[in-house]
Each structure stands twice: as C-alpha cells, then as structure tokens.
C-alpha cells in the first residue's frame, strides 16, 4: 500500500519531469504527507494549450454517489487488479485518471524481536520526482456547496527489491506513459492495465529512517534523514535485509 509519501523537490525539477506544468502557489515542500490531506495531482482533463495544471486534491477517493465524504479515509489506495470490478473505482478508471506527484514514500517493516515496525523511505536512485498512477472524483453535498475533488493512489504487487518490505507497492508510472494515462477520452482496461505494473527495481533505493516520521505532525527533512548505525539496534538487521 502507500499510506505516507513526500513531495519536497525543487520546482525546477518538477518543471523538467512534468513538462513545465502550472504549479499552485500553495505547493510547499512536504516530508510526511498523510491521508485526507491535500496532494498535488495532474488530471486527465483537457489543458488550454499552456500545458498541464497541477492542482491540490483531497487524498482519499470520495465517489460522486457517496452519502458521507468520510468514506474517503478508507479509499486512499486502489488495487490495480480489481479497478474494473469495484463500484468505487471502475468509472474513474475509465474516465478520471491522474498523476499523483511524489518524490518518495514510506513503508513500515516488521523487525524480529521488536514490537514497533521500522519505517523505510523508498525513492528513485536519481532522487528525481515521479508520479503515482491515480484516479480522481468530484463529490458535492448539494448544488449550493463547492465540489470536493479527491483522489486515490493505485497499488500493485511489489518488485523483487521491495517484496521483503511490503506485499504491495504504489504504481509508479514511467514518464513515457504519462500521455496515455492522462488521455481525456474513455479508456478500456485492456489499454490501461499493462501500465499498472511494478516499477523497475534497478532504479529504486530504500533505507531506514527514524520513527520521527511516525507522528503525522512531524513534517520536516528529518523525516527522510537516514538512520545512523547508532540510532537503534534494529538498523543492522534492516540494512542486511534490504541490501
């Protein structure tokens, strides 16, 4: 799954990776993004010729037919294998796809003999920003209220490098698939499903970080700082299991 992630890259990197998108003024470096917060997305709506626009959407998909928006807290992730079957996702899968911008994410790994899991930070070796495959929806309590736009992150089975950390990983889309994923017209699952596969393990790296990240209120560079060998007794085990 993907329950926490980061987006702290310099805007110049975002401009380069995502072809000069329009960035919102509210976009600030984030080191501990949690469910129900706003996340940066590029949706598959038509642009005006000036390039794609990055917008902030609520993380946790709220289907248009939902009676209670709290349902979104249970739909931060969507399994790639069942997108075309689940009522909560199948319509968005065909028509409302998005890129969720990130530059790393966290998973928690069990450590023998310890009650608490060890947080692991996962990113590209290049340290460049990337995009999770996502879906988006628009929900409105009534016609007088402003619509709430929300999204979910699609997950798949992990690549060999990450399978010892967690049984799922978010779908990270290669840049050459962005255009197809963001196509504004309706797409079939046959056309989309081949993109929802594990990202190349040769391009990824992971390392243990402090449990400082466990507290959602902590949102600073310390969250992604590698643990030193003296931080905790579990570090040696974690490093050996990863590398």
Protein backbone atom coordinates (compact mmCIF):
# COMPACT_ATOMS: atom_id res chain seq x y z
CA UNK A 1 0.00 0.00 0.00
CA UNK A 2 1.00 3.64 0.16
CA UNK A 3 -0.03 5.47 3.32
CA UNK A 4 2.60 8.22 3.57
CA UNK A 5 4.74 9.95 1.00
CA UNK A 6 6.80 13.05 0.22
CA UNK A 7 6.96 15.83 -2.34
CA UNK A 8 9.78 18.21 -1.50
CA UNK A 9 11.56 18.55 -4.84
CA UNK A 10 12.69 21.89 -6.20
CA UNK A 11 10.12 23.38 -8.62
CA UNK A 12 12.73 23.34 -11.38
CA UNK A 13 12.81 19.56 -11.17
CA UNK A 14 9.02 19.39 -11.33
CA UNK A 15 9.03 21.63 -14.39
CA UNK A 16 11.53 19.32 -16.10
CA UNK A 17 9.91 15.99 -15.25
CA UNK A 18 6.32 17.08 -15.90
CA UNK A 19 6.90 19.34 -18.93
CA UNK A 20 6.51 22.80 -17.43
CA UNK A 21 3.23 22.40 -15.56
CA UNK A 22 1.43 25.29 -13.90
CA UNK A 23 2.20 24.96 -10.17
CA UNK A 24 -0.15 26.26 -7.45
CA UNK A 25 1.14 28.92 -5.07
CA UNK A 26 0.13 26.69 -2.14
CA UNK A 27 2.56 23.94 -3.16
CA UNK A 28 5.23 23.76 -0.44
CA UNK A 29 7.84 21.08 0.42
CA UNK A 30 6.18 18.16 2.21
CA UNK A 31 8.05 15.37 4.00
CA UNK A 32 5.19 13.49 5.63
CA UNK A 33 2.01 13.63 3.55
CA UNK A 34 -0.79 11.69 5.22
CA UNK A 35 -4.26 10.50 4.14
CA UNK A 36 -7.06 13.10 3.98
CA UNK A 37 -4.55 15.89 3.34
CA UNK A 38 -4.28 17.70 0.01
CA UNK A 39 -1.89 16.22 -2.56
CA UNK A 40 -0.55 17.53 -5.87
CA UNK A 41 -2.16 15.96 -8.94
CA UNK A 42 -2.34 16.39 -12.70
CA UNK A 43 -5.70 15.18 -14.00
CA UNK A 44 -6.67 13.92 -17.44
CA UNK A 45 -8.83 16.94 -18.23
CA UNK A 46 -8.01 18.87 -21.38
CA UNK A 47 -5.42 21.61 -20.92
CA UNK A 48 -5.82 25.02 -22.52
CA UNK A 49 -2.71 24.77 -24.65
CA UNK A 50 -0.45 26.15 -21.95
CA UNK A 51 0.46 22.78 -20.50
CA UNK A 52 -0.94 20.70 -17.67
CA UNK A 53 -2.01 22.28 -14.42
CA UNK A 54 -1.01 20.89 -11.01
CA UNK A 55 -3.90 21.06 -8.55
CA UNK A 56 -4.39 20.09 -4.92
CA UNK A 57 -6.88 17.25 -4.32
CA UNK A 58 -8.07 15.58 -1.12
CA UNK A 59 -6.24 12.26 -0.64
CA UNK A 60 -8.91 9.59 -0.18
CA UNK A 61 -11.33 8.99 -3.05
CA UNK A 62 -14.94 10.05 -2.48
CA UNK A 63 -17.22 8.66 -5.22
CA UNK A 64 -19.82 11.08 -6.56
CA UNK A 65 -22.59 8.82 -5.22
CA UNK A 66 -21.24 8.64 -1.65
CA UNK A 67 -23.59 9.80 1.10
CA UNK A 68 -20.79 10.58 3.54
CA UNK A 69 -17.41 12.05 2.49
CA UNK A 70 -15.75 10.19 5.37
CA UNK A 71 -15.69 7.15 3.09
CA UNK A 72 -12.60 8.71 1.51
CA UNK A 73 -10.43 7.86 4.51
CA UNK A 74 -10.87 4.17 3.61
CA UNK A 75 -10.00 4.64 -0.06
CA UNK A 76 -6.54 6.15 -0.11
CA UNK A 77 -5.38 3.20 -2.24
CA UNK A 78 -6.96 1.16 -5.02
CA UNK A 79 -5.77 -2.31 -6.04
CA UNK A 80 -4.78 -2.42 -9.71
CA UNK A 81 -6.14 -5.94 -10.15
CA UNK A 82 -9.75 -5.03 -9.31
CA UNK A 83 -10.19 -1.48 -10.64
CA UNK A 84 -12.64 -2.50 -13.34
CA UNK A 85 -14.74 -4.51 -10.85
CA UNK A 86 -15.10 -2.27 -7.79
CA UNK A 87 -18.03 0.21 -7.93
CA UNK A 88 -15.92 2.80 -6.12
CA UNK A 89 -13.25 2.84 -8.81
CA UNK A 90 -14.46 1.42 -12.13
CA UNK A 91 -15.96 4.64 -13.51
CA UNK A 92 -12.94 6.75 -12.54
CA UNK A 93 -10.64 4.09 -14.01
CA UNK A 94 -12.27 4.55 -17.40
CA UNK A 95 -12.69 8.34 -17.35
CA UNK A 96 -10.94 10.15 -14.49
CA UNK A 97 -7.27 9.30 -14.18
CA UNK A 98 -4.49 11.41 -12.72
CA UNK A 99 -0.84 11.59 -11.81
CA UNK A 100 -0.12 12.00 -8.10
CA UNK A 101 3.20 13.82 -7.77
CA UNK A 102 5.78 12.49 -5.31
CA UNK A 103 9.50 12.03 -4.77
CA UNK A 104 9.44 9.20 -2.23
CA UNK A 105 7.20 7.19 0.07
CA UNK A 106 7.32 5.24 3.33
CA UNK A 107 6.60 1.67 4.34
CA UNK A 108 6.91 0.02 7.75
CA UNK A 109 8.80 -3.26 8.07
CA UNK A 110 8.48 -5.79 10.87
CA UNK A 111 11.65 -6.41 12.87
CA UNK A 112 12.07 -9.73 14.75
CA UNK A 113 12.00 -9.24 18.49
CA UNK A 114 10.59 -5.72 18.31
CA UNK A 115 7.02 -4.59 18.83
CA UNK A 116 7.27 -1.48 16.68
CA UNK A 117 7.86 -1.63 12.94
CA UNK A 118 10.80 0.10 11.31
CA UNK A 119 9.95 2.94 8.88
CA UNK A 120 11.66 2.67 5.50
CA UNK A 121 11.96 5.51 3.00
CA UNK A 122 11.74 4.50 -0.67
CA UNK A 123 12.67 6.68 -3.64
CA UNK A 124 14.32 6.64 -7.06
CA UNK A 125 18.11 6.36 -7.13
CA UNK A 126 18.14 9.53 -9.20
CA UNK A 127 16.21 11.29 -6.39
CA UNK A 128 14.01 12.81 -9.06
CA UNK A 129 10.28 13.36 -8.55
CA UNK A 130 7.90 10.88 -10.17
CA UNK A 131 4.20 10.14 -10.48
CA UNK A 132 1.96 7.54 -8.88
CA UNK A 133 -0.92 6.33 -11.03
CA UNK A 134 -4.08 7.74 -9.53
CA UNK A 135 -7.82 8.16 -10.01
CA UNK A 136 -9.89 11.22 -9.19
CA UNK A 137 -13.50 12.05 -8.41
CA UNK A 138 -15.70 15.07 -7.69
CA UNK A 139 -18.21 14.95 -4.83
CA UNK A 140 -20.79 17.56 -3.91
CA UNK A 141 -23.04 17.53 -0.85
CA UNK A 142 -25.59 19.73 -2.65
CA UNK A 143 -25.69 22.14 -5.56
CA UNK A 144 -25.03 25.12 -3.29
CA UNK A 145 -21.70 23.82 -1.98
CA UNK A 146 -18.35 23.81 -3.74
CA UNK A 147 -17.43 20.37 -5.16
CA UNK A 148 -14.78 18.39 -3.27
CA UNK A 149 -12.18 16.86 -5.56
CA UNK A 150 -10.42 13.77 -4.28
CA UNK A 151 -8.03 11.07 -5.46
CA UNK A 152 -6.62 7.64 -4.71
CA UNK A 153 -3.25 6.01 -5.42
CA UNK A 154 -3.22 2.72 -7.33
CA UNK A 155 -1.13 -0.15 -5.95
CA UNK A 156 0.26 -3.37 -7.41
CA UNK A 157 2.44 -6.29 -6.36
CA UNK A 158 5.97 -5.22 -5.36
CA UNK A 159 9.10 -5.58 -7.45
CA UNK A 160 11.77 -8.05 -6.17
CA UNK A 161 13.72 -5.30 -4.38
CA UNK A 162 10.73 -4.25 -2.27
CA UNK A 163 8.92 -7.54 -1.69
CA UNK A 164 10.62 -8.10 1.68
CA UNK A 165 9.43 -4.70 2.89
CA UNK A 166 5.74 -4.87 1.95
CA UNK A 167 3.40 -7.07 -0.06
CA UNK A 168 2.20 -4.09 -2.15
CA UNK A 169 3.75 -1.02 -3.74
CA UNK A 170 2.27 2.06 -5.38
CA UNK A 171 2.22 2.06 -9.18
CA UNK A 172 4.97 4.45 -10.33
CA UNK A 173 4.41 5.38 -13.94
CA UNK A 174 7.37 5.79 -16.32
CA UNK A 175 7.36 9.21 -17.98
CA UNK A 176 6.67 7.74 -21.42
CA UNK A 177 3.26 6.51 -20.18
CA UNK A 178 2.04 9.88 -18.85
CA UNK A 179 0.36 10.92 -22.09
CA UNK A 180 -1.67 7.72 -22.39
CA UNK A 181 -2.63 7.70 -18.72
CA UNK A 182 -3.79 11.31 -18.98
CA UNK A 183 -5.74 10.83 -22.21
CA UNK A 184 -9.05 12.69 -21.70
CA UNK A 185 -11.16 10.16 -23.57
CA UNK A 186 -12.59 6.97 -22.09
CA UNK A 187 -10.08 4.12 -21.98
CA UNK A 188 -10.57 0.36 -21.72
CA UNK A 189 -8.96 -1.77 -19.04
CA UNK A 190 -7.16 -3.65 -21.83
CA UNK A 191 -5.40 -0.42 -22.79
CA UNK A 192 -4.66 0.71 -19.24
CA UNK A 193 -3.80 -2.45 -17.34
CA UNK A 194 -0.38 -3.01 -18.97
CA UNK A 195 0.81 0.22 -17.35
CA UNK A 196 -0.13 -0.88 -13.83
CA UNK A 197 2.96 -2.97 -13.12
CA UNK A 198 5.84 -2.78 -10.60
CA UNK A 199 8.41 -0.10 -11.34
CA UNK A 200 11.94 -1.25 -12.19
CA UNK A 201 13.76 -2.33 -9.04
CA UNK A 202 17.09 -1.33 -10.60
CA UNK A 203 16.04 2.31 -10.43
CA UNK A 204 14.91 2.33 -6.79
CA UNK A 205 16.57 2.58 -3.39
CA UNK A 206 15.35 2.23 0.19
CA UNK A 207 16.81 2.94 3.61
CA UNK A 208 15.65 3.01 7.24
CA UNK A 209 14.65 6.32 8.79
CA UNK A 210 13.87 7.43 12.32
CA UNK A 211 10.49 6.73 13.91
CA UNK A 212 10.19 10.51 13.99
CA UNK A 213 8.12 10.07 10.83
CA UNK A 214 5.52 8.00 12.70
CA UNK A 215 3.93 11.18 14.07
CA UNK A 216 1.87 12.82 11.29
CA UNK A 217 2.50 16.28 12.73
CA UNK A 218 6.23 15.90 12.02
CA UNK A 219 6.81 17.29 8.55
CA UNK A 220 10.45 18.27 8.09
CA UNK A 221 13.63 16.99 6.37
CA UNK A 222 14.35 14.94 9.49
CA UNK A 223 11.64 12.51 8.32
CA UNK A 224 13.76 11.31 5.40
CA UNK A 225 17.17 11.51 7.09
CA UNK A 226 18.93 8.08 7.03
CA UNK A 227 19.36 6.47 10.42
CA UNK A 228 22.93 6.33 11.68
CA UNK A 229 24.28 2.97 12.78
CA UNK A 230 23.98 4.03 16.40
CA UNK A 231 20.36 5.17 16.27
CA UNK A 232 18.71 1.83 17.06
CA UNK A 233 19.73 -1.80 17.47
CA UNK A 234 17.48 -2.84 14.62
CA UNK A 235 19.36 -0.89 11.96
CA UNK A 236 21.89 -3.64 11.18
CA UNK A 237 19.09 -6.15 10.62
CA UNK A 238 17.12 -3.75 8.43
CA UNK A 239 20.10 -2.88 6.25
CA UNK A 240 21.06 -6.51 5.80
CA UNK A 241 17.52 -7.44 4.81
CA UNK A 242 17.36 -4.63 2.27
CA UNK A 243 20.78 -4.88 0.73
